[in-house]
């Protein structure tokens, strides 16, 4: 018997056929929504229902992945004491980074964004989402097999998550202190998981700023080749 088992897409009943005109309209609407997504660094402390974030993470969990192993784990942090500890650990790493560890070229690239080692948003925002890439796992919970295309898979899931949070009406910031191993320690994650990114999510504070440099987006003609 073949180990390959399939269900016809039509039997699932969840693919919706669209006319060319409807496809064009939906694609344009999605593009316009994506254009309204901005990274900010000033967050309001206003609470956001946990269920909203969980639904966004569930959407991220629907992303495609290598061998369908879904090699990701999300830790949702709302506890003030934990957020404070993560801020202190992140700022310690960032002080070394901005003191020269990053190198002049990297720091020059960041300069137009106005970033530094001060990360108050890690405490102010109502939610932090730590995303871990799992080196081992499998399609079923409890498996201990090698995972494949880990970075690609987790990167796609993070993209889903950022747009889901934006679609829900939240602002976000992607934070990647270097190194990030403190996330394993502070959040009790095993060494087989690699910290991938820390996402800050919440409502923008009054007067939140967007760097002019971040508004520079390459035109379609500069990022697309049609063959």
N, C-alpha and C. Protein backbone atom coordinates (compact mmCIF):
# COMPACT_ATOMS: atom_id res chain seq x y z
N UNK A 1 0.84 -1.20 0.00
CA UNK A 1 0.00 0.00 0.00
C UNK A 1 0.88 1.25 0.00
N UNK A 2 0.53 2.21 -0.82
CA UNK A 2 1.31 3.43 -0.88
C UNK A 2 1.16 4.23 0.41
N UNK A 3 2.27 4.85 0.85
CA UNK A 3 2.19 5.70 2.05
C UNK A 3 1.67 7.09 1.72
N UNK A 4 1.49 7.36 0.42
CA UNK A 4 1.01 8.66 0.00
C UNK A 4 -0.52 8.68 0.03
N UNK A 5 -1.06 9.50 0.88
CA UNK A 5 -2.51 9.63 0.97
C UNK A 5 -2.89 11.08 0.71
N UNK A 6 -3.93 11.27 -0.07
CA UNK A 6 -4.32 12.62 -0.46
C UNK A 6 -5.83 12.80 -0.31
N UNK A 7 -6.23 14.04 -0.11
CA UNK A 7 -7.64 14.42 -0.12
C UNK A 7 -7.82 15.42 -1.26
N UNK A 8 -8.77 15.19 -2.13
CA UNK A 8 -9.00 16.18 -3.20
C UNK A 8 -9.31 17.55 -2.62
N UNK A 9 -8.71 18.56 -3.20
CA UNK A 9 -8.95 19.92 -2.73
C UNK A 9 -10.44 20.25 -2.72
N UNK A 10 -11.15 19.79 -3.73
CA UNK A 10 -12.59 20.08 -3.82
C UNK A 10 -13.34 19.51 -2.62
N UNK A 11 -12.87 18.38 -2.09
CA UNK A 11 -13.56 17.75 -0.96
C UNK A 11 -13.37 18.54 0.33
N UNK A 12 -12.27 19.29 0.41
CA UNK A 12 -12.04 20.10 1.61
C UNK A 12 -13.03 21.26 1.67
N UNK A 13 -13.43 21.74 0.52
CA UNK A 13 -14.47 22.77 0.46
C UNK A 13 -14.05 24.14 0.93
N UNK A 14 -12.73 24.40 1.00
CA UNK A 14 -12.31 25.71 1.51
C UNK A 14 -11.57 26.57 0.49
N UNK A 15 -11.43 26.07 -0.74
CA UNK A 15 -10.85 26.90 -1.79
C UNK A 15 -11.99 27.62 -2.51
N UNK A 16 -11.88 28.93 -2.65
CA UNK A 16 -12.94 29.73 -3.27
C UNK A 16 -12.48 30.20 -4.64
N UNK A 17 -13.20 29.82 -5.65
CA UNK A 17 -12.89 30.25 -7.02
C UNK A 17 -13.24 31.73 -7.17
N UNK A 18 -12.33 32.49 -7.75
CA UNK A 18 -12.54 33.93 -7.94
C UNK A 18 -12.49 34.27 -9.43
N UNK A 19 -13.29 35.22 -9.84
CA UNK A 19 -13.22 35.71 -11.21
C UNK A 19 -11.95 36.55 -11.36
N UNK A 20 -11.46 36.73 -12.58
CA UNK A 20 -10.28 37.59 -12.77
C UNK A 20 -10.47 38.98 -12.17
N UNK A 21 -11.68 39.53 -12.29
CA UNK A 21 -11.93 40.86 -11.76
C UNK A 21 -11.87 40.85 -10.23
N UNK A 22 -12.41 39.82 -9.62
CA UNK A 22 -12.39 39.73 -8.16
C UNK A 22 -10.96 39.49 -7.66
N UNK A 23 -10.20 38.65 -8.37
CA UNK A 23 -8.80 38.43 -7.99
C UNK A 23 -8.03 39.74 -8.02
N UNK A 24 -8.23 40.52 -9.08
CA UNK A 24 -7.51 41.79 -9.19
C UNK A 24 -7.89 42.74 -8.06
N UNK A 25 -9.18 42.80 -7.73
CA UNK A 25 -9.63 43.69 -6.67
C UNK A 25 -9.09 43.26 -5.31
N UNK A 26 -9.10 41.96 -5.05
CA UNK A 26 -8.61 41.46 -3.75
C UNK A 26 -7.10 41.64 -3.63
N UNK A 27 -6.37 41.42 -4.72
CA UNK A 27 -4.93 41.62 -4.70
C UNK A 27 -4.59 43.08 -4.43
N UNK A 28 -5.33 43.99 -5.06
CA UNK A 28 -5.10 45.42 -4.86
C UNK A 28 -5.45 45.82 -3.43
N UNK A 29 -6.55 45.29 -2.90
CA UNK A 29 -6.94 45.61 -1.52
C UNK A 29 -5.89 45.13 -0.53
N UNK A 30 -5.35 43.93 -0.77
CA UNK A 30 -4.33 43.39 0.13
C UNK A 30 -3.06 44.22 0.05
N UNK A 31 -2.68 44.64 -1.16
CA UNK A 31 -1.51 45.50 -1.32
C UNK A 31 -1.69 46.80 -0.55
N UNK A 32 -2.87 47.39 -0.66
CA UNK A 32 -3.11 48.66 0.05
C UNK A 32 -3.04 48.47 1.56
N UNK A 33 -3.53 47.33 2.04
CA UNK A 33 -3.42 47.07 3.49
C UNK A 33 -1.97 46.86 3.90
N UNK A 34 -1.21 46.14 3.08
CA UNK A 34 0.21 45.92 3.39
C UNK A 34 0.98 47.24 3.41
N UNK A 35 0.59 48.18 2.55
CA UNK A 35 1.25 49.49 2.53
C UNK A 35 1.05 50.25 3.83
N UNK A 36 -0.02 49.94 4.55
CA UNK A 36 -0.32 50.64 5.80
C UNK A 36 0.41 50.03 7.00
N UNK A 37 1.16 48.97 6.76
CA UNK A 37 1.92 48.37 7.86
C UNK A 37 3.24 49.11 8.05
N UNK A 38 3.49 49.56 9.27
CA UNK A 38 4.74 50.27 9.59
C UNK A 38 5.33 49.74 10.88
N UNK A 39 6.64 49.73 10.94
CA UNK A 39 7.33 49.38 12.18
C UNK A 39 7.45 50.63 13.04
N UNK A 40 7.08 50.51 14.31
CA UNK A 40 7.20 51.63 15.24
C UNK A 40 7.98 51.19 16.47
N UNK A 41 8.37 52.16 17.29
CA UNK A 41 9.11 51.87 18.51
C UNK A 41 8.48 52.52 19.74
N UNK A 42 7.34 53.16 19.55
CA UNK A 42 6.63 53.76 20.68
C UNK A 42 5.25 53.10 20.78
N UNK A 43 5.05 52.33 21.83
CA UNK A 43 3.81 51.58 22.01
C UNK A 43 3.03 52.10 23.21
N UNK A 44 1.71 52.03 23.09
CA UNK A 44 0.84 52.37 24.21
C UNK A 44 0.74 51.16 25.14
N UNK A 45 0.57 51.39 26.43
CA UNK A 45 0.43 50.26 27.36
C UNK A 45 -0.97 49.66 27.36
N UNK A 46 -1.84 50.16 26.49
CA UNK A 46 -3.23 49.70 26.46
C UNK A 46 -3.29 48.18 26.31
N UNK A 47 -4.15 47.52 27.06
CA UNK A 47 -4.25 46.06 26.95
C UNK A 47 -4.83 45.64 25.61
N UNK A 48 -4.42 44.49 25.16
CA UNK A 48 -4.95 43.86 23.94
C UNK A 48 -5.38 42.45 24.33
N UNK A 49 -6.61 42.04 24.00
CA UNK A 49 -7.07 40.71 24.39
C UNK A 49 -6.11 39.61 23.95
N UNK A 50 -5.83 38.70 24.85
CA UNK A 50 -4.92 37.60 24.55
C UNK A 50 -5.42 36.78 23.37
N UNK A 51 -6.73 36.61 23.28
CA UNK A 51 -7.29 35.81 22.19
C UNK A 51 -6.98 36.37 20.83
N UNK A 52 -6.86 37.69 20.72
CA UNK A 52 -6.51 38.31 19.44
C UNK A 52 -5.13 37.85 19.00
N UNK A 53 -4.17 37.89 19.93
CA UNK A 53 -2.80 37.48 19.61
C UNK A 53 -2.75 35.98 19.31
N UNK A 54 -3.49 35.20 20.08
CA UNK A 54 -3.48 33.76 19.86
C UNK A 54 -4.03 33.39 18.48
N UNK A 55 -5.07 34.10 18.05
CA UNK A 55 -5.59 33.83 16.70
C UNK A 55 -4.56 34.18 15.63
N UNK A 56 -3.81 35.26 15.85
CA UNK A 56 -2.76 35.63 14.89
C UNK A 56 -1.65 34.58 14.86
N UNK A 57 -1.29 34.06 16.03
CA UNK A 57 -0.28 33.00 16.08
C UNK A 57 -0.80 31.73 15.42
N UNK A 58 -2.08 31.44 15.62
CA UNK A 58 -2.67 30.27 14.96
C UNK A 58 -2.61 30.42 13.44
N UNK A 59 -2.80 31.65 12.95
CA UNK A 59 -2.67 31.89 11.51
C UNK A 59 -1.24 31.64 11.05
N UNK A 60 -0.27 32.06 11.86
CA UNK A 60 1.14 31.81 11.52
C UNK A 60 1.42 30.32 11.47
N UNK A 61 0.76 29.57 12.33
CA UNK A 61 0.94 28.12 12.35
C UNK A 61 0.39 27.41 11.13
N UNK A 62 -0.33 28.14 10.27
CA UNK A 62 -0.83 27.56 9.02
C UNK A 62 0.15 27.72 7.87
N UNK A 63 1.29 28.33 8.14
CA UNK A 63 2.29 28.55 7.08
C UNK A 63 2.83 27.23 6.55
N UNK A 64 3.25 27.19 5.29
CA UNK A 64 3.90 25.98 4.76
C UNK A 64 5.27 25.79 5.40
N UNK A 65 5.71 24.54 5.46
CA UNK A 65 7.02 24.27 6.09
C UNK A 65 7.64 23.03 5.47
N UNK A 66 8.95 22.90 5.62
CA UNK A 66 9.69 21.77 5.08
C UNK A 66 9.18 20.46 5.65
N UNK A 67 8.74 19.54 4.78
CA UNK A 67 8.20 18.23 5.15
C UNK A 67 7.00 18.35 6.09
N UNK A 68 6.38 19.54 6.13
CA UNK A 68 5.26 19.83 7.03
C UNK A 68 5.62 19.56 8.49
N UNK A 69 6.88 19.77 8.86
CA UNK A 69 7.29 19.54 10.25
C UNK A 69 6.93 20.71 11.16
N UNK A 70 6.56 21.85 10.56
CA UNK A 70 6.16 23.02 11.35
C UNK A 70 7.17 23.31 12.47
N UNK A 71 8.41 23.64 12.09
CA UNK A 71 9.51 23.71 13.06
C UNK A 71 9.56 25.03 13.81
N UNK A 72 8.46 25.39 14.46
CA UNK A 72 8.41 26.66 15.17
C UNK A 72 7.73 26.49 16.52
N UNK A 73 8.11 27.37 17.42
CA UNK A 73 7.40 27.46 18.70
C UNK A 73 7.30 28.93 19.06
N UNK A 74 6.14 29.34 19.52
CA UNK A 74 5.88 30.73 19.87
C UNK A 74 5.68 30.83 21.39
N UNK A 75 6.34 31.78 22.00
CA UNK A 75 6.12 32.05 23.42
C UNK A 75 5.51 33.44 23.53
N UNK A 76 4.31 33.51 24.08
CA UNK A 76 3.59 34.78 24.22
C UNK A 76 3.80 35.31 25.63
N UNK A 77 4.35 36.52 25.72
CA UNK A 77 4.76 37.07 27.01
C UNK A 77 3.96 38.32 27.32
N UNK A 78 3.20 38.28 28.40
CA UNK A 78 2.48 39.44 28.88
C UNK A 78 2.81 39.80 30.31
N UNK A 79 3.51 38.90 31.00
CA UNK A 79 3.87 39.10 32.40
C UNK A 79 4.87 40.25 32.54
N UNK A 80 4.56 41.29 33.32
CA UNK A 80 5.45 42.45 33.44
C UNK A 80 6.85 42.10 33.93
N UNK A 81 6.97 41.19 34.88
CA UNK A 81 8.28 40.84 35.41
C UNK A 81 9.14 40.17 34.34
N UNK A 82 8.51 39.30 33.54
CA UNK A 82 9.25 38.63 32.48
C UNK A 82 9.66 39.62 31.39
N UNK A 83 8.77 40.53 31.06
CA UNK A 83 9.10 41.55 30.05
C UNK A 83 10.27 42.42 30.55
N UNK A 84 10.27 42.75 31.82
CA UNK A 84 11.36 43.55 32.39
C UNK A 84 12.69 42.79 32.29
N UNK A 85 12.65 41.49 32.62
CA UNK A 85 13.87 40.68 32.56
C UNK A 85 14.38 40.56 31.13
N UNK A 86 13.47 40.42 30.17
CA UNK A 86 13.87 40.33 28.77
C UNK A 86 14.46 41.66 28.30
N UNK A 87 13.87 42.76 28.73
CA UNK A 87 14.41 44.07 28.35
C UNK A 87 15.83 44.22 28.88
N UNK A 88 16.05 43.88 30.14
CA UNK A 88 17.38 44.04 30.73
C UNK A 88 18.41 43.18 29.99
N UNK A 89 18.04 41.94 29.67
CA UNK A 89 18.96 41.06 28.95
C UNK A 89 19.22 41.55 27.54
N UNK A 90 18.17 42.01 26.87
CA UNK A 90 18.32 42.50 25.50
C UNK A 90 19.18 43.76 25.46
N UNK A 91 18.95 44.67 26.40
CA UNK A 91 19.73 45.91 26.41
C UNK A 91 21.20 45.65 26.72
N UNK A 92 21.48 44.63 27.53
CA UNK A 92 22.88 44.29 27.80
C UNK A 92 23.58 43.85 26.51
N UNK A 93 22.90 43.03 25.72
CA UNK A 93 23.48 42.61 24.44
C UNK A 93 23.59 43.78 23.47
N UNK A 94 22.59 44.65 23.47
CA UNK A 94 22.59 45.77 22.54
C UNK A 94 23.66 46.81 22.88
N UNK A 95 23.97 46.97 24.16
CA UNK A 95 25.05 47.91 24.52
C UNK A 95 26.37 47.49 23.89
N UNK A 96 26.64 46.20 23.94
CA UNK A 96 27.87 45.70 23.31
C UNK A 96 27.80 45.85 21.80
N UNK A 97 26.62 45.62 21.24
CA UNK A 97 26.42 45.73 19.79
C UNK A 97 26.72 47.14 19.31
N UNK A 98 26.11 48.13 19.96
CA UNK A 98 26.28 49.52 19.53
C UNK A 98 27.62 50.11 19.97
N UNK A 99 28.30 49.45 20.88
CA UNK A 99 29.62 49.92 21.31
C UNK A 99 30.72 49.53 20.33
N UNK A 100 30.35 48.77 19.30
CA UNK A 100 31.34 48.44 18.29
C UNK A 100 31.33 47.00 17.84
N UNK A 101 30.64 46.14 18.57
CA UNK A 101 30.60 44.73 18.21
C UNK A 101 30.03 44.51 16.82
N UNK A 102 29.08 45.37 16.44
CA UNK A 102 28.41 45.20 15.15
C UNK A 102 29.31 45.54 13.96
N UNK A 103 30.28 46.40 14.17
CA UNK A 103 31.10 46.85 13.05
C UNK A 103 30.56 48.13 12.46
N UNK A 104 31.45 48.92 11.90
CA UNK A 104 31.08 50.25 11.41
C UNK A 104 30.05 50.20 10.28
N UNK A 105 30.21 49.27 9.35
CA UNK A 105 29.30 49.22 8.20
C UNK A 105 27.87 48.93 8.64
N UNK A 106 27.70 48.00 9.58
CA UNK A 106 26.38 47.64 10.08
C UNK A 106 25.74 48.81 10.81
N UNK A 107 26.54 49.47 11.64
CA UNK A 107 26.02 50.62 12.40
C UNK A 107 25.66 51.77 11.47
N UNK A 108 26.43 51.95 10.42
CA UNK A 108 26.11 52.99 9.43
C UNK A 108 24.78 52.70 8.75
N UNK A 109 24.52 51.42 8.48
CA UNK A 109 23.26 51.04 7.83
C UNK A 109 22.06 51.30 8.74
N UNK A 110 22.27 51.16 10.05
CA UNK A 110 21.18 51.36 11.01
C UNK A 110 20.96 52.83 11.37
N UNK A 111 21.97 53.65 11.15
CA UNK A 111 21.93 55.04 11.60
C UNK A 111 20.67 55.80 11.15
N UNK A 112 20.21 55.67 9.89
CA UNK A 112 19.03 56.43 9.46
C UNK A 112 17.75 56.06 10.20
N UNK A 113 17.75 54.89 10.87
CA UNK A 113 16.56 54.45 11.60
C UNK A 113 16.53 54.99 13.02
N UNK A 114 17.63 55.54 13.49
CA UNK A 114 17.67 56.14 14.83
C UNK A 114 17.60 55.12 15.95
N UNK A 115 18.04 53.90 15.73
CA UNK A 115 17.99 52.89 16.78
C UNK A 115 19.19 53.02 17.70
N UNK A 116 19.03 52.53 18.93
CA UNK A 116 20.12 52.50 19.89
C UNK A 116 19.88 51.36 20.87
N UNK A 117 20.60 51.35 21.98
CA UNK A 117 20.49 50.22 22.91
C UNK A 117 19.38 50.39 23.94
N UNK A 118 18.58 51.41 23.79
CA UNK A 118 17.48 51.68 24.73
C UNK A 118 16.20 51.07 24.17
N UNK A 119 15.60 50.10 24.89
CA UNK A 119 14.48 49.33 24.37
C UNK A 119 13.28 49.35 25.32
N UNK A 120 12.75 50.53 25.63
CA UNK A 120 11.63 50.59 26.59
C UNK A 120 10.38 49.87 26.12
N UNK A 121 10.20 49.74 24.81
CA UNK A 121 9.00 49.09 24.29
C UNK A 121 8.89 47.64 24.71
N UNK A 122 10.01 47.03 25.09
CA UNK A 122 9.95 45.64 25.53
C UNK A 122 9.17 45.50 26.84
N UNK A 123 9.04 46.60 27.57
CA UNK A 123 8.21 46.61 28.77
C UNK A 123 6.87 47.27 28.53
N UNK A 124 6.84 48.30 27.70
CA UNK A 124 5.62 49.10 27.53
C UNK A 124 4.53 48.36 26.78
N UNK A 125 4.89 47.71 25.68
CA UNK A 125 3.88 47.03 24.86
C UNK A 125 3.22 45.91 25.66
N UNK A 126 1.94 45.66 25.40
CA UNK A 126 1.25 44.62 26.18
C UNK A 126 1.73 43.21 25.91
N UNK A 127 2.25 42.97 24.71
CA UNK A 127 2.64 41.60 24.36
C UNK A 127 3.98 41.55 23.64
N UNK A 128 4.77 40.56 23.99
CA UNK A 128 5.96 40.16 23.23
C UNK A 128 5.74 38.74 22.75
N UNK A 129 6.20 38.45 21.56
CA UNK A 129 6.11 37.10 21.01
C UNK A 129 7.52 36.65 20.63
N UNK A 130 8.05 35.69 21.37
CA UNK A 130 9.35 35.12 21.04
C UNK A 130 9.13 33.93 20.12
N UNK A 131 9.80 33.95 18.98
CA UNK A 131 9.64 32.87 18.00
C UNK A 131 10.93 32.04 18.00
N UNK A 132 10.77 30.75 18.17
CA UNK A 132 11.90 29.83 18.19
C UNK A 132 11.84 28.89 16.99
N UNK A 133 13.00 28.59 16.42
CA UNK A 133 13.11 27.63 15.33
C UNK A 133 13.57 26.30 15.92
N UNK A 134 12.81 25.27 15.68
CA UNK A 134 13.10 23.96 16.27
C UNK A 134 13.97 23.13 15.34
N UNK A 135 15.12 22.72 15.84
CA UNK A 135 16.02 21.89 15.04
C UNK A 135 15.50 20.47 14.89
N UNK A 136 14.74 20.01 15.87
CA UNK A 136 14.20 18.66 15.84
C UNK A 136 12.71 18.72 16.16
N UNK A 137 11.97 17.74 15.64
CA UNK A 137 10.53 17.71 15.86
C UNK A 137 9.88 16.74 14.90
N UNK A 138 8.91 17.21 14.16
CA UNK A 138 8.20 16.36 13.22
C UNK A 138 6.79 16.86 13.04
N UNK A 139 6.04 16.21 12.15
CA UNK A 139 4.67 16.64 11.87
C UNK A 139 3.73 16.35 13.03
N UNK A 140 4.08 15.40 13.87
CA UNK A 140 3.24 15.06 15.02
C UNK A 140 3.92 15.49 16.31
N UNK A 141 3.11 15.94 17.25
CA UNK A 141 3.63 16.37 18.55
C UNK A 141 4.34 15.21 19.23
N UNK A 142 5.52 15.48 19.77
CA UNK A 142 6.27 14.46 20.49
C UNK A 142 7.31 13.73 19.66
N UNK A 143 7.31 13.95 18.35
CA UNK A 143 8.32 13.31 17.51
C UNK A 143 9.69 13.93 17.74
N UNK A 144 10.72 13.17 17.48
CA UNK A 144 12.10 13.66 17.63
C UNK A 144 12.87 13.30 16.36
N UNK A 145 12.55 14.03 15.29
CA UNK A 145 13.20 13.81 14.01
C UNK A 145 13.86 15.11 13.56
N UNK A 146 14.79 14.99 12.62
CA UNK A 146 15.44 16.17 12.09
C UNK A 146 14.44 17.02 11.32
N UNK A 147 14.44 18.32 11.56
CA UNK A 147 13.61 19.24 10.79
C UNK A 147 14.39 19.78 9.59
N UNK A 148 13.68 20.17 8.55
CA UNK A 148 14.29 20.60 7.30
C UNK A 148 13.81 22.00 6.91
N UNK A 149 14.69 22.73 6.21
CA UNK A 149 14.35 24.09 5.77
C UNK A 149 13.80 24.92 6.93
N UNK A 150 14.54 24.88 8.03
CA UNK A 150 14.05 25.51 9.26
C UNK A 150 13.93 27.01 9.11
N UNK A 151 15.01 27.66 8.68
CA UNK A 151 14.99 29.13 8.59
C UNK A 151 13.95 29.60 7.58
N UNK A 152 13.86 28.90 6.45
CA UNK A 152 12.87 29.30 5.44
C UNK A 152 11.45 29.15 5.99
N UNK A 153 11.19 28.03 6.67
CA UNK A 153 9.86 27.76 7.18
C UNK A 153 9.46 28.77 8.25
N UNK A 154 10.35 29.03 9.19
CA UNK A 154 10.03 29.95 10.28
C UNK A 154 9.91 31.37 9.74
N UNK A 155 10.73 31.72 8.74
CA UNK A 155 10.62 33.04 8.13
C UNK A 155 9.26 33.27 7.50
N UNK A 156 8.73 32.24 6.82
CA UNK A 156 7.40 32.36 6.22
C UNK A 156 6.35 32.53 7.31
N UNK A 157 6.46 31.75 8.38
CA UNK A 157 5.49 31.84 9.47
C UNK A 157 5.51 33.22 10.12
N UNK A 158 6.69 33.79 10.28
CA UNK A 158 6.80 35.13 10.86
C UNK A 158 6.13 36.16 9.95
N UNK A 159 6.30 35.99 8.64
CA UNK A 159 5.61 36.89 7.70
C UNK A 159 4.10 36.81 7.86
N UNK A 160 3.60 35.58 7.95
CA UNK A 160 2.16 35.41 8.21
C UNK A 160 1.76 36.14 9.48
N UNK A 161 2.55 35.98 10.54
CA UNK A 161 2.22 36.54 11.85
C UNK A 161 2.19 38.06 11.82
N UNK A 162 3.19 38.66 11.19
CA UNK A 162 3.24 40.13 11.15
C UNK A 162 2.03 40.71 10.41
N UNK A 163 1.65 40.09 9.30
CA UNK A 163 0.50 40.60 8.56
C UNK A 163 -0.81 40.30 9.28
N UNK A 164 -0.87 39.17 10.01
CA UNK A 164 -2.07 38.87 10.79
C UNK A 164 -2.26 39.90 11.90
N UNK A 165 -1.17 40.26 12.58
CA UNK A 165 -1.25 41.27 13.65
C UNK A 165 -1.66 42.62 13.08
N UNK A 166 -1.09 42.97 11.92
CA UNK A 166 -1.46 44.23 11.27
C UNK A 166 -2.93 44.21 10.87
N UNK A 167 -3.37 43.09 10.31
CA UNK A 167 -4.77 42.96 9.88
C UNK A 167 -5.73 43.09 11.06
N UNK A 168 -5.27 42.66 12.24
CA UNK A 168 -6.11 42.75 13.44
C UNK A 168 -6.15 44.17 14.00
N UNK A 169 -5.29 45.05 13.49
CA UNK A 169 -5.30 46.43 13.95
C UNK A 169 -4.19 46.78 14.93
N UNK A 170 -3.12 45.99 14.92
CA UNK A 170 -2.02 46.22 15.86
C UNK A 170 -0.77 46.67 15.13
N UNK A 171 0.08 47.36 15.85
CA UNK A 171 1.39 47.75 15.35
C UNK A 171 2.42 46.74 15.86
N UNK A 172 3.53 46.63 15.14
CA UNK A 172 4.54 45.65 15.51
C UNK A 172 5.95 46.21 15.35
N UNK A 173 6.86 45.52 15.99
CA UNK A 173 8.30 45.78 15.85
C UNK A 173 9.00 44.44 15.88
N UNK A 174 9.92 44.22 14.96
CA UNK A 174 10.73 43.00 14.97
C UNK A 174 12.07 43.33 15.62
N UNK A 175 12.42 42.55 16.63
CA UNK A 175 13.63 42.82 17.40
C UNK A 175 14.51 41.58 17.39
N UNK A 176 15.77 41.76 17.01
CA UNK A 176 16.70 40.63 16.93
C UNK A 176 18.02 40.98 17.60
N UNK A 177 18.04 41.05 18.94
CA UNK A 177 19.32 41.29 19.61
C UNK A 177 20.30 40.17 19.29
N UNK A 178 21.56 40.49 19.29
CA UNK A 178 22.58 39.51 18.88
C UNK A 178 23.67 39.40 19.95
N UNK A 179 23.81 38.22 20.58
CA UNK A 179 23.04 36.98 20.40
C UNK A 179 21.72 37.01 21.16
N UNK A 180 20.88 36.00 20.90
CA UNK A 180 19.57 35.94 21.53
C UNK A 180 19.41 34.74 22.45
N UNK A 181 20.50 34.09 22.81
CA UNK A 181 20.41 32.87 23.62
C UNK A 181 19.76 33.11 24.97
N UNK A 182 19.74 34.36 25.44
CA UNK A 182 19.10 34.65 26.72
C UNK A 182 17.61 34.32 26.68
N UNK A 183 17.01 34.30 25.48
CA UNK A 183 15.60 33.97 25.37
C UNK A 183 15.34 32.52 25.79
N UNK A 184 16.24 31.60 25.43
CA UNK A 184 16.09 30.21 25.88
C UNK A 184 16.09 30.14 27.40
N UNK A 185 17.04 30.84 28.01
CA UNK A 185 17.19 30.79 29.46
C UNK A 185 15.99 31.43 30.16
N UNK A 186 15.62 32.63 29.73
CA UNK A 186 14.56 33.37 30.42
C UNK A 186 13.18 32.73 30.22
N UNK A 187 13.00 32.05 29.08
CA UNK A 187 11.68 31.52 28.75
C UNK A 187 11.60 30.00 28.87
N UNK A 188 12.69 29.38 29.33
CA UNK A 188 12.67 27.94 29.59
C UNK A 188 12.54 27.08 28.37
N UNK A 189 13.15 27.51 27.26
CA UNK A 189 13.10 26.72 26.04
C UNK A 189 14.36 25.86 25.91
N UNK A 190 14.24 24.67 25.32
CA UNK A 190 15.37 23.74 25.25
C UNK A 190 16.44 24.21 24.27
N UNK A 191 17.66 23.70 24.41
CA UNK A 191 18.75 24.11 23.51
C UNK A 191 18.57 23.66 22.07
N UNK A 192 17.64 22.75 21.82
CA UNK A 192 17.37 22.32 20.44
C UNK A 192 16.55 23.37 19.68
N UNK A 193 16.12 24.43 20.38
CA UNK A 193 15.38 25.52 19.74
C UNK A 193 16.28 26.74 19.63
N UNK A 194 16.29 27.32 18.45
CA UNK A 194 17.11 28.51 18.19
C UNK A 194 16.22 29.75 18.22
N UNK A 195 16.55 30.74 19.08
CA UNK A 195 15.76 31.98 19.07
C UNK A 195 15.84 32.64 17.69
N UNK A 196 14.69 32.93 17.13
CA UNK A 196 14.65 33.44 15.76
C UNK A 196 14.35 34.93 15.72
N UNK A 197 13.37 35.37 16.50
CA UNK A 197 12.99 36.79 16.49
C UNK A 197 12.10 37.06 17.70
N UNK A 198 12.10 38.31 18.13
CA UNK A 198 11.22 38.77 19.20
C UNK A 198 10.32 39.84 18.59
N UNK A 199 9.02 39.59 18.61
CA UNK A 199 8.06 40.52 18.01
C UNK A 199 7.34 41.28 19.12
N UNK A 200 7.33 42.60 19.00
CA UNK A 200 6.61 43.47 19.93
C UNK A 200 5.28 43.81 19.27
N UNK A 201 4.18 43.66 20.02
CA UNK A 201 2.85 43.89 19.44
C UNK A 201 1.98 44.69 20.40
N UNK A 202 1.27 45.65 19.86
CA UNK A 202 0.36 46.45 20.66
C UNK A 202 -0.18 47.62 19.85
N UNK A 203 -0.82 48.54 20.52
CA UNK A 203 -1.33 49.74 19.87
C UNK A 203 -0.24 50.81 19.86
N UNK A 204 -0.17 51.61 18.82
CA UNK A 204 0.86 52.67 18.80
C UNK A 204 0.55 53.74 19.85
N UNK A 205 1.61 54.26 20.45
CA UNK A 205 1.45 55.36 21.39
C UNK A 205 1.09 56.63 20.65
N UNK A 206 0.46 57.56 21.34
CA UNK A 206 0.22 58.87 20.75
C UNK A 206 1.58 59.49 20.38
N UNK A 207 1.67 59.98 19.17
CA UNK A 207 2.93 60.57 18.73
C UNK A 207 3.97 59.57 18.26
N UNK A 208 3.58 58.30 18.06
CA UNK A 208 4.53 57.30 17.55
C UNK A 208 5.12 57.76 16.22
N UNK A 209 6.40 57.51 16.04
CA UNK A 209 7.13 58.00 14.87
C UNK A 209 7.52 56.87 13.93
N UNK A 210 7.57 57.18 12.67
CA UNK A 210 8.07 56.26 11.65
C UNK A 210 9.25 56.94 10.96
N UNK A 211 10.44 56.36 10.99
CA UNK A 211 11.59 56.99 10.33
C UNK A 211 11.35 57.18 8.84
N UNK A 212 11.76 58.32 8.32
CA UNK A 212 11.63 58.56 6.88
C UNK A 212 12.32 57.46 6.08
N UNK A 213 13.44 56.99 6.60
CA UNK A 213 14.20 55.96 5.90
C UNK A 213 13.37 54.68 5.71
N UNK A 214 12.50 54.39 6.70
CA UNK A 214 11.69 53.17 6.64
C UNK A 214 10.57 53.28 5.62
N UNK A 215 10.28 54.49 5.17
CA UNK A 215 9.22 54.69 4.18
C UNK A 215 9.72 54.49 2.75
N UNK A 216 11.02 54.33 2.60
CA UNK A 216 11.59 54.10 1.27
C UNK A 216 11.40 52.63 0.89
N UNK A 217 10.53 52.37 -0.05
CA UNK A 217 10.30 51.01 -0.52
C UNK A 217 10.62 50.93 -2.00
N UNK A 218 11.31 49.89 -2.38
CA UNK A 218 11.68 49.74 -3.78
C UNK A 218 10.43 49.51 -4.64
N UNK A 219 10.45 50.08 -5.84
CA UNK A 219 9.34 49.94 -6.77
C UNK A 219 9.27 48.50 -7.29
N UNK A 220 8.09 48.12 -7.74
CA UNK A 220 7.90 46.77 -8.26
C UNK A 220 8.90 46.45 -9.36
N UNK A 221 9.17 47.42 -10.22
CA UNK A 221 10.09 47.17 -11.34
C UNK A 221 11.50 46.86 -10.87
N UNK A 222 11.80 47.25 -9.64
CA UNK A 222 13.16 47.03 -9.10
C UNK A 222 13.27 45.72 -8.33
N UNK A 223 12.15 45.07 -8.05
CA UNK A 223 12.21 43.82 -7.29
C UNK A 223 11.61 42.64 -8.06
N UNK A 224 11.16 42.89 -9.29
CA UNK A 224 10.47 41.84 -10.05
C UNK A 224 11.10 41.66 -11.43
N UNK A 225 11.34 40.40 -11.76
CA UNK A 225 11.70 40.01 -13.13
C UNK A 225 10.69 38.99 -13.59
N UNK A 226 10.07 39.24 -14.72
CA UNK A 226 9.09 38.30 -15.27
C UNK A 226 9.74 37.53 -16.41
N UNK A 227 9.71 36.21 -16.32
CA UNK A 227 10.32 35.36 -17.35
C UNK A 227 9.19 34.66 -18.12
